[in-house]
Amino acid sequence: MDLKKLIAKRGMKLMQDPRVAKLMQDERVMKAMMQAFQARSKAQENFDEMVQSTAKRLGLVTKQEVRELKRSMRKLETQLKKAKREAEKAKEAAEKASGASEDA
C-alpha cells in the first residue's frame, strides 16, 4: 500500500474516534486547521510563481503556456475540420451544378 492510501486509511480511522470528533468541533482547532490549509495553499502559489518566473528567465516554456498552446491547437483543429466540411459541401454543390448544366 502506498503512503497516500495508508495516510488516508489512518485518517479515516482516526475520524471515527469520538475523542477526535469532539476535538474537531472545537473552534480553535478548526481555526488552526483552516490557517494550516491556507498556509499550504499560499506556499504552493508562491512556489508556482517562483518556478514560472525562473522558467521565463531561462527561456523555458511553462505549464500554463503549454495549456494555452494545446487549447489553441484544439480550436484550430476544430476550425480546420469545419472548413474541410464546408469545402467538401461546396465541391459537391459545384459538381451537382455542373452536372445539371450539362444535362440541360
C-alpha atoms as a PDB file:
ATOM      1  CA  MET A   1       0.000   0.000   0.000  1.00  0.00           C
ATOM      2  CA  ASP A   2       1.414   3.382  -0.920  1.00  0.00           C
ATOM      3  CA  LEU A   3       1.913   6.141   1.630  1.00  0.00           C
ATOM      4  CA  LYS A   4      -1.007   8.304   0.470  1.00  0.00           C
ATOM      5  CA  LYS A   5      -3.500   5.444   0.817  1.00  0.00           C
ATOM      6  CA  LEU A   6      -2.067   4.479   4.194  1.00  0.00           C
ATOM      7  CA  ILE A   7      -2.407   8.029   5.497  1.00  0.00           C
ATOM      8  CA  ALA A   8      -5.967   8.294   4.163  1.00  0.00           C
ATOM      9  CA  LYS A   9      -6.893   4.979   5.784  1.00  0.00           C
ATOM     10  CA  ARG A  10      -5.420   6.003   9.128  1.00  0.00           C
ATOM     11  CA  GLY A  11      -7.098   9.404   8.890  1.00  0.00           C
ATOM     12  CA  MET A  12     -10.489   7.807   8.323  1.00  0.00           C
ATOM     13  CA  LYS A  13      -9.901   5.515  11.273  1.00  0.00           C
ATOM     14  CA  LEU A  14      -8.989   8.495  13.460  1.00  0.00           C
ATOM     15  CA  MET A  15     -12.081  10.432  12.373  1.00  0.00           C
ATOM     16  CA  GLN A  16     -14.251   7.607  13.701  1.00  0.00           C
ATOM     17  CA  ASP A  17     -12.797   8.009  17.186  1.00  0.00           C
ATOM     18  CA  PRO A  18     -15.233  10.024  19.363  1.00  0.00           C
ATOM     19  CA  ARG A  19     -12.373  11.903  21.011  1.00  0.00           C
ATOM     20  CA  VAL A  20     -11.155  13.157  17.659  1.00  0.00           C
ATOM     21  CA  ALA A  21     -14.706  14.081  16.617  1.00  0.00           C
ATOM     22  CA  LYS A  22     -15.080  16.121  19.802  1.00  0.00           C
ATOM     23  CA  LEU A  23     -11.715  17.797  19.215  1.00  0.00           C
ATOM     24  CA  MET A  24     -12.695  18.653  15.630  1.00  0.00           C
ATOM     25  CA  GLN A  25     -15.749  20.501  16.934  1.00  0.00           C
ATOM     26  CA  ASP A  26     -13.532  22.855  18.937  1.00  0.00           C
ATOM     27  CA  GLU A  27     -13.498  26.258  17.253  1.00  0.00           C
ATOM     28  CA  ARG A  28      -9.791  26.783  17.990  1.00  0.00           C
ATOM     29  CA  VAL A  29      -8.870  23.507  16.296  1.00  0.00           C
ATOM     30  CA  MET A  30     -10.992  24.340  13.255  1.00  0.00           C
ATOM     31  CA  LYS A  31      -9.404  27.791  13.023  1.00  0.00           C
ATOM     32  CA  ALA A  32      -5.898  26.313  13.271  1.00  0.00           C
ATOM     33  CA  MET A  33      -6.707  23.750  10.568  1.00  0.00           C
ATOM     34  CA  MET A  34      -8.046  26.460   8.248  1.00  0.00           C
ATOM     35  CA  GLN A  35      -4.904  28.509   8.788  1.00  0.00           C
ATOM     36  CA  ALA A  36      -2.764  25.450   8.034  1.00  0.00           C
ATOM     37  CA  PHE A  37      -4.640  24.793   4.775  1.00  0.00           C
ATOM     38  CA  GLN A  38      -4.374  28.451   3.793  1.00  0.00           C
ATOM     39  CA  ALA A  39      -0.647  28.494   4.568  1.00  0.00           C
ATOM     40  CA  ARG A  40      -0.111  25.410   2.405  1.00  0.00           C
ATOM     41  CA  SER A  41      -2.100  26.938  -0.423  1.00  0.00           C
ATOM     42  CA  LYS A  42      -0.186  30.211  -0.205  1.00  0.00           C
ATOM     43  CA  ALA A  43       3.154  28.372  -0.125  1.00  0.00           C
ATOM     44  CA  GLN A  44       2.141  26.409  -3.234  1.00  0.00           C
ATOM     45  CA  GLU A  45       1.143  29.627  -5.025  1.00  0.00           C
ATOM     46  CA  ASN A  46       4.461  31.271  -4.127  1.00  0.00           C
ATOM     47  CA  PHE A  47       6.382  28.231  -5.302  1.00  0.00           C
ATOM     48  CA  ASP A  48       4.472  28.134  -8.598  1.00  0.00           C
ATOM     49  CA  GLU A  49       5.154  31.838  -9.161  1.00  0.00           C
ATOM     50  CA  MET A  50       8.865  31.335  -8.495  1.00  0.00           C
ATOM     51  CA  VAL A  51       9.002  28.389 -10.895  1.00  0.00           C
ATOM     52  CA  GLN A  52       7.199  30.405 -13.552  1.00  0.00           C
ATOM     53  CA  SER A  53       9.480  33.429 -13.215  1.00  0.00           C
ATOM     54  CA  THR A  54      12.574  31.217 -13.257  1.00  0.00           C
ATOM     55  CA  ALA A  55      11.315  29.430 -16.359  1.00  0.00           C
ATOM     56  CA  LYS A  56      10.734  32.747 -18.109  1.00  0.00           C
ATOM     57  CA  ARG A  57      14.213  33.983 -17.218  1.00  0.00           C
ATOM     58  CA  LEU A  58      15.718  30.788 -18.601  1.00  0.00           C
ATOM     59  CA  GLY A  59      13.538  30.895 -21.700  1.00  0.00           C
ATOM     60  CA  LEU A  60      11.665  27.723 -20.804  1.00  0.00           C
ATOM     61  CA  VAL A  61       8.025  27.011 -21.511  1.00  0.00           C
ATOM     62  CA  THR A  62       5.674  26.954 -18.531  1.00  0.00           C
ATOM     63  CA  LYS A  63       2.744  24.594 -17.904  1.00  0.00           C
ATOM     64  CA  GLN A  64       0.295  27.421 -18.471  1.00  0.00           C
ATOM     65  CA  GLU A  65       1.840  28.264 -21.830  1.00  0.00           C
ATOM     66  CA  VAL A  66       1.638  24.615 -22.887  1.00  0.00           C
ATOM     67  CA  ARG A  67      -2.036  24.501 -21.829  1.00  0.00           C
ATOM     68  CA  GLU A  68      -2.752  27.648 -23.829  1.00  0.00           C
ATOM     69  CA  LEU A  69      -0.991  26.210 -26.881  1.00  0.00           C
ATOM     70  CA  LYS A  70      -2.946  22.963 -26.616  1.00  0.00           C
ATOM     71  CA  ARG A  71      -6.193  24.915 -26.315  1.00  0.00           C
ATOM     72  CA  SER A  72      -5.273  26.973 -29.387  1.00  0.00           C
ATOM     73  CA  MET A  73      -4.368  23.838 -31.325  1.00  0.00           C
ATOM     74  CA  ARG A  74      -7.703  22.191 -30.488  1.00  0.00           C
ATOM     75  CA  LYS A  75      -9.522  25.325 -31.583  1.00  0.00           C
ATOM     76  CA  LEU A  76      -7.578  25.464 -34.862  1.00  0.00           C
ATOM     77  CA  GLU A  77      -8.154  21.754 -35.480  1.00  0.00           C
ATOM     78  CA  THR A  78     -11.898  22.261 -34.973  1.00  0.00           C
ATOM     79  CA  GLN A  79     -11.880  25.219 -37.368  1.00  0.00           C
ATOM     80  CA  LEU A  80      -9.919  23.192 -39.933  1.00  0.00           C
ATOM     81  CA  LYS A  81     -12.395  20.304 -39.757  1.00  0.00           C
ATOM     82  CA  LYS A  82     -15.263  22.741 -40.208  1.00  0.00           C
ATOM     83  CA  ALA A  83     -13.543  24.386 -43.181  1.00  0.00           C
ATOM     84  CA  LYS A  84     -12.900  20.973 -44.766  1.00  0.00           C
ATOM     85  CA  ARG A  85     -16.566  20.018 -44.374  1.00  0.00           C
ATOM     86  CA  GLU A  86     -17.661  23.307 -45.903  1.00  0.00           C
ATOM     87  CA  ALA A  87     -15.189  22.903 -48.773  1.00  0.00           C
ATOM     88  CA  GLU A  88     -16.453  19.378 -49.410  1.00  0.00           C
ATOM     89  CA  LYS A  89     -20.057  20.608 -49.446  1.00  0.00           C
ATOM     90  CA  ALA A  90     -19.134  23.429 -51.832  1.00  0.00           C
ATOM     91  CA  LYS A  91     -17.322  20.958 -54.095  1.00  0.00           C
ATOM     92  CA  GLU A  92     -20.340  18.634 -54.146  1.00  0.00           C
ATOM     93  CA  ALA A  93     -22.660  21.561 -54.880  1.00  0.00           C
ATOM     94  CA  ALA A  94     -20.403  22.703 -57.727  1.00  0.00           C
ATOM     95  CA  GLU A  95     -20.299  19.187 -59.164  1.00  0.00           C
ATOM     96  CA  LYS A  96     -24.091  18.938 -58.987  1.00  0.00           C
ATOM     97  CA  ALA A  97     -24.450  22.346 -60.632  1.00  0.00           C
ATOM     98  CA  SER A  98     -22.052  21.455 -63.443  1.00  0.00           C
ATOM     99  CA  GLY A  99     -23.773  18.090 -63.884  1.00  0.00           C
ATOM    100  CA  ALA A 100     -27.175  19.752 -64.076  1.00  0.00           C
ATOM    101  CA  SER A 101     -25.966  22.291 -66.643  1.00  0.00           C
ATOM    102  CA  GLU A 102     -24.524  19.505 -68.831  1.00  0.00           C
ATOM    103  CA  ASP A 103     -27.874  17.677 -68.801  1.00  0.00           C
ATOM    104  CA  ALA A 104     -29.701  20.778 -69.996  1.00  0.00           C
END
